[in-house]
Amino acid sequence: MVAPIRPERVEYTQLQAVDTPKPTKTWSPLQHHTLYDAVKHRLEQKGFEIADTTHLLSHEDNRYFGTVCLKPEEGVPYARMVGIRNSHDKRFCASIVAGARVICCANGMFVGDELALSRKHTSRIHDDLPQKIDESFGKLLQEWKRNDMRLLEYQATTISDMDANDLIIRSLDNGAIASSAIPEVLKQYREPPHEQFKPRTLWSLHNAFTEVLKKHPLLVSERSRALQKTFDEDLILS
């Protein structure tokens, strides 16, 4: 029987219990919870208040994706977030990425031209991980600030149905969605389940996409960053 690959949400204690393969001369796997602990510790050290965390495991617990969501500012419709990814099957580097979570629907997005941290599982990963995570926080803060500006622009930019259709096709071309997802994106945009997304803006269309993307959590990081690049093609962000 083929082992299921659908990601399963687990508690932190279950994450701690995952067995880590033995290292080789050239490959040194990192415990999933060690990467999460290091990120959470740095956030708390820097004074951020954590509101929520999630942990997903797949591929016989060899692949991990987690999120750390910060407490949102009053009156802001989203919260800053960090995505964390690791693998024991050499599929992914140990990595973190900046993101945001929309409060009313828990849709997540990840942003940035590159990952804030991408560290291969070589023999020195356990020694330099704290330093690499410290270095990554400069990138996280920069991306969060840029994303604050981005989302304000999205909310302020009205679009026609023709513009929305064009963005959907460009998002498909750029790898943000699969062709099979187009009908659901259109449905979410035309019949938004939340009052906040009824205005015909980039913000509403973007949330139609993220509502669909969240059904595939292991693909959200790459696809939402491709989506961001597509939407930003017509915006100027300093």
Protein backbone atom coordinates (compact mmCIF):
# COMPACT_ATOMS: atom_id res chain seq x y z
CA MET A 1 0.00 0.00 0.00
CA VAL A 2 1.31 3.46 -0.88
CA ALA A 3 1.68 5.70 2.15
CA PRO A 4 -0.64 8.74 2.10
CA ILE A 5 1.04 12.01 1.17
CA ARG A 6 -1.81 14.35 2.12
CA PRO A 7 -0.51 16.71 4.84
CA GLU A 8 -1.89 16.07 8.30
CA ARG A 9 -2.15 18.72 10.98
CA VAL A 10 -0.43 17.63 14.18
CA GLU A 11 0.20 18.94 17.67
CA TYR A 12 3.63 20.12 18.78
CA THR A 13 4.12 17.01 20.94
CA GLN A 14 3.60 14.87 17.83
CA LEU A 15 6.13 16.98 15.96
CA GLN A 16 8.67 16.38 18.72
CA ALA A 17 8.11 12.64 18.46
CA VAL A 18 9.04 12.39 14.76
CA ASP A 19 12.08 10.21 14.23
CA THR A 20 15.01 11.88 12.48
CA PRO A 21 17.14 9.75 10.12
CA LYS A 22 20.77 9.14 10.92
CA PRO A 23 23.22 11.53 9.23
CA THR A 24 25.75 10.57 6.58
CA LYS A 25 29.13 12.14 5.78
CA THR A 26 27.53 14.71 3.49
CA TRP A 27 23.96 14.99 4.79
CA SER A 28 22.80 15.95 8.28
CA PRO A 29 19.00 16.00 8.69
CA LEU A 30 17.55 18.54 11.09
CA GLN A 31 14.74 17.70 13.51
CA HIS A 32 11.55 19.40 12.38
CA HIS A 33 10.83 20.79 15.82
CA THR A 34 14.39 22.13 16.18
CA LEU A 35 13.86 24.47 13.23
CA TYR A 36 10.45 25.54 14.54
CA ASP A 37 11.82 26.08 18.08
CA ALA A 38 14.67 28.24 16.77
CA VAL A 39 12.33 30.47 14.76
CA LYS A 40 9.80 30.80 17.60
CA HIS A 41 12.58 31.61 20.07
CA ARG A 42 13.99 34.40 17.87
CA LEU A 43 10.54 35.92 17.35
CA GLU A 44 9.94 36.01 21.10
CA GLN A 45 13.42 37.41 21.74
CA LYS A 46 12.68 40.27 19.36
CA GLY A 47 9.47 41.13 21.18
CA PHE A 48 6.88 39.68 18.79
CA GLU A 49 3.72 38.25 20.35
CA ILE A 50 2.70 34.91 18.85
CA ALA A 51 -1.03 34.39 18.33
CA ASP A 52 -1.20 30.98 16.65
CA THR A 53 0.93 28.16 15.25
CA THR A 54 0.25 25.24 12.93
CA HIS A 55 2.23 22.10 12.11
CA LEU A 56 1.71 19.90 9.04
CA LEU A 57 3.44 16.60 8.28
CA SER A 58 3.33 14.53 5.09
CA HIS A 59 5.20 11.77 3.22
CA GLU A 60 5.50 9.51 6.28
CA ASP A 61 6.46 12.52 8.44
CA ASN A 62 9.48 13.26 6.26
CA ARG A 63 8.17 16.66 5.16
CA TYR A 64 7.20 19.43 7.53
CA PHE A 65 5.49 22.76 6.97
CA GLY A 66 4.65 25.05 9.86
CA THR A 67 3.39 28.56 10.38
CA VAL A 68 3.82 31.05 13.18
CA CYS A 69 1.19 33.79 13.10
CA LEU A 70 1.82 37.00 15.05
CA LYS A 71 -0.78 38.99 16.96
CA PRO A 72 -2.40 41.40 14.49
CA GLU A 73 -2.41 45.15 14.99
CA GLU A 74 -5.78 46.64 15.91
CA GLY A 75 -7.83 47.55 12.85
CA VAL A 76 -5.56 45.71 10.40
CA PRO A 77 -7.35 42.93 8.45
CA TYR A 78 -4.33 40.60 8.38
CA ALA A 79 -1.54 39.38 10.63
CA ARG A 80 2.13 38.92 9.83
CA MET A 81 3.22 35.31 9.58
CA VAL A 82 6.32 33.13 9.13
CA GLY A 83 6.29 29.93 7.10
CA ILE A 84 8.73 27.16 8.09
CA ARG A 85 9.68 24.18 5.94
CA ASN A 86 11.96 21.19 6.47
CA SER A 87 12.43 17.67 5.11
CA HIS A 88 14.03 14.36 6.02
CA ASP A 89 13.92 13.00 2.46
CA LYS A 90 16.22 15.61 0.86
CA ARG A 91 13.27 17.25 -0.90
CA PHE A 92 13.55 20.67 0.76
CA CYS A 93 16.20 22.77 2.42
CA ALA A 94 15.53 24.07 5.90
CA SER A 95 13.78 27.32 5.04
CA ILE A 96 11.63 30.17 6.32
CA VAL A 97 9.57 32.69 4.37
CA ALA A 98 7.66 35.89 5.21
CA GLY A 99 3.90 35.88 4.92
CA ALA A 100 0.55 37.15 6.13
CA ARG A 101 -2.75 35.62 7.21
CA VAL A 102 -6.10 37.27 6.55
CA ILE A 103 -8.02 37.40 9.82
CA CYS A 104 -11.61 36.88 8.63
CA CYS A 105 -10.92 33.70 6.65
CA ALA A 106 -7.46 32.45 7.74
CA ASN A 107 -6.17 32.60 4.15
CA GLY A 108 -2.39 32.69 4.04
CA MET A 109 0.05 34.23 1.58
CA PHE A 110 3.82 34.13 1.36
CA VAL A 111 5.91 36.86 -0.19
CA GLY A 112 9.37 37.82 -1.37
CA ASP A 113 11.60 37.22 -4.35
CA GLU A 114 13.58 34.69 -2.33
CA LEU A 115 13.30 32.72 0.88
CA ALA A 116 14.44 34.55 4.01
CA LEU A 117 16.36 31.40 4.91
CA SER A 118 17.35 28.46 2.73
CA ARG A 119 19.94 26.20 4.38
CA LYS A 120 20.99 22.85 2.95
CA HIS A 121 21.27 19.91 5.34
CA THR A 122 25.05 19.74 5.36
CA SER A 123 27.21 18.76 8.32
CA ARG A 124 27.44 22.29 9.76
CA ILE A 125 23.71 23.05 9.83
CA HIS A 126 23.45 22.40 13.56
CA ASP A 127 26.34 24.77 14.27
CA ASP A 128 25.35 27.75 12.17
CA LEU A 129 21.54 27.53 12.30
CA PRO A 130 21.17 30.21 15.04
CA GLN A 131 23.35 32.63 13.07
CA LYS A 132 21.49 31.92 9.81
CA ILE A 133 18.13 32.49 11.48
CA ASP A 134 19.35 35.79 12.97
CA GLU A 135 20.51 36.89 9.52
CA SER A 136 17.16 35.92 8.00
CA PHE A 137 15.20 38.25 10.29
CA GLY A 138 16.45 41.29 8.42
CA LYS A 139 14.88 39.85 5.26
CA LEU A 140 11.67 38.95 7.12
CA LEU A 141 11.23 42.47 8.47
CA GLN A 142 11.91 43.98 5.05
CA GLU A 143 9.39 41.70 3.35
CA TRP A 144 6.75 42.34 6.01
CA LYS A 145 7.09 46.10 5.53
CA ARG A 146 6.90 45.76 1.75
CA ASN A 147 3.89 43.51 2.11
CA ASP A 148 2.12 46.06 4.32
CA MET A 149 2.45 48.54 1.44
CA ARG A 150 1.44 45.89 -1.07
CA LEU A 151 -1.79 44.98 0.69
CA LEU A 152 -2.77 48.62 1.09
CA GLU A 153 -2.29 48.99 -2.67
CA TYR A 154 -4.36 45.88 -3.33
CA GLN A 155 -7.22 47.23 -1.22
CA ALA A 156 -7.10 50.63 -2.95
CA THR A 157 -6.92 49.31 -6.53
CA THR A 158 -10.27 48.71 -8.23
CA ILE A 159 -10.38 46.39 -11.23
CA SER A 160 -12.80 45.61 -14.03
CA ASP A 161 -14.02 42.12 -14.88
CA MET A 162 -11.68 42.20 -17.88
CA ASP A 163 -8.72 43.04 -15.63
CA ALA A 164 -9.69 40.23 -13.25
CA ASN A 165 -9.91 37.71 -16.09
CA ASP A 166 -6.53 38.85 -17.41
CA LEU A 167 -4.93 38.44 -13.98
CA ILE A 168 -6.34 34.94 -13.62
CA ILE A 169 -4.82 33.89 -16.96
CA ARG A 170 -1.48 35.51 -16.15
CA SER A 171 -1.47 33.78 -12.77
CA LEU A 172 -2.00 30.47 -14.55
CA ASP A 173 0.86 31.24 -16.96
CA ASN A 174 3.15 32.14 -14.04
CA GLY A 175 2.47 28.90 -12.17
CA ALA A 176 0.41 30.39 -9.35
CA ILE A 177 -2.56 28.07 -9.99
CA ALA A 178 -3.42 25.00 -12.00
CA SER A 179 -5.94 25.29 -14.83
CA SER A 180 -8.37 23.11 -12.87
CA ALA A 181 -8.50 25.80 -10.14
CA ILE A 182 -9.78 28.59 -12.40
CA PRO A 183 -13.52 27.83 -11.94
CA GLU A 184 -13.18 27.88 -8.14
CA VAL A 185 -11.20 31.15 -8.18
CA LEU A 186 -13.90 32.73 -10.35
CA LYS A 187 -16.62 31.45 -8.01
CA GLN A 188 -14.84 32.82 -4.93
CA TYR A 189 -14.40 36.19 -6.63
CA ARG A 190 -17.91 36.48 -8.06
CA GLU A 191 -19.63 35.13 -4.92
CA PRO A 192 -17.36 36.18 -2.04
CA PRO A 193 -18.30 34.53 1.27
CA HIS A 194 -17.18 37.57 3.30
CA GLU A 195 -18.44 41.14 3.13
CA GLN A 196 -14.86 42.46 3.06
CA PHE A 197 -14.30 40.96 -0.39
CA LYS A 198 -17.38 42.30 -2.17
CA PRO A 199 -15.63 45.45 -3.51
CA ARG A 200 -14.12 44.75 -6.93
CA THR A 201 -10.47 45.26 -5.97
CA LEU A 202 -7.14 43.49 -6.25
CA TRP A 203 -7.56 42.61 -2.56
CA SER A 204 -10.82 40.76 -3.22
CA LEU A 205 -9.42 38.91 -6.22
CA HIS A 206 -6.25 37.99 -4.35
CA ASN A 207 -8.32 36.49 -1.53
CA ALA A 208 -10.28 34.46 -4.08
CA PHE A 209 -6.97 32.91 -5.07
CA THR A 210 -5.73 32.30 -1.53
CA GLU A 211 -9.04 30.68 -0.57
CA VAL A 212 -8.32 28.08 -3.25
CA LEU A 213 -4.57 27.81 -2.58
CA LYS A 214 -5.02 26.98 1.10
CA LYS A 215 -6.46 23.61 0.10
CA HIS A 216 -2.91 22.60 -0.90
CA PRO A 217 -0.79 23.78 2.05
CA LEU A 218 2.50 22.24 0.89
CA LEU A 219 2.28 24.23 -2.35
CA VAL A 220 1.15 27.52 -0.83
CA SER A 221 4.63 29.01 -0.40
CA GLU A 222 5.73 28.75 -4.03
CA ARG A 223 2.32 29.39 -5.55
CA SER A 224 1.43 32.40 -3.42
CA ARG A 225 4.81 33.98 -4.14
CA ALA A 226 4.19 33.43 -7.87
CA LEU A 227 0.76 34.99 -7.37
CA GLN A 228 2.28 38.00 -5.62
CA LYS A 229 4.68 38.58 -8.51
CA THR A 230 1.81 38.44 -10.99
CA PHE A 231 -0.29 40.93 -9.06
CA ASP A 232 2.69 43.23 -8.51
CA GLU A 233 3.47 43.57 -12.21
CA ASP A 234 1.21 46.64 -12.38
CA LEU A 235 2.14 48.08 -8.96
CA ILE A 236 5.13 50.20 -7.97
CA LEU A 237 6.43 49.31 -4.51
CA SER A 238 9.40 51.27 -3.22
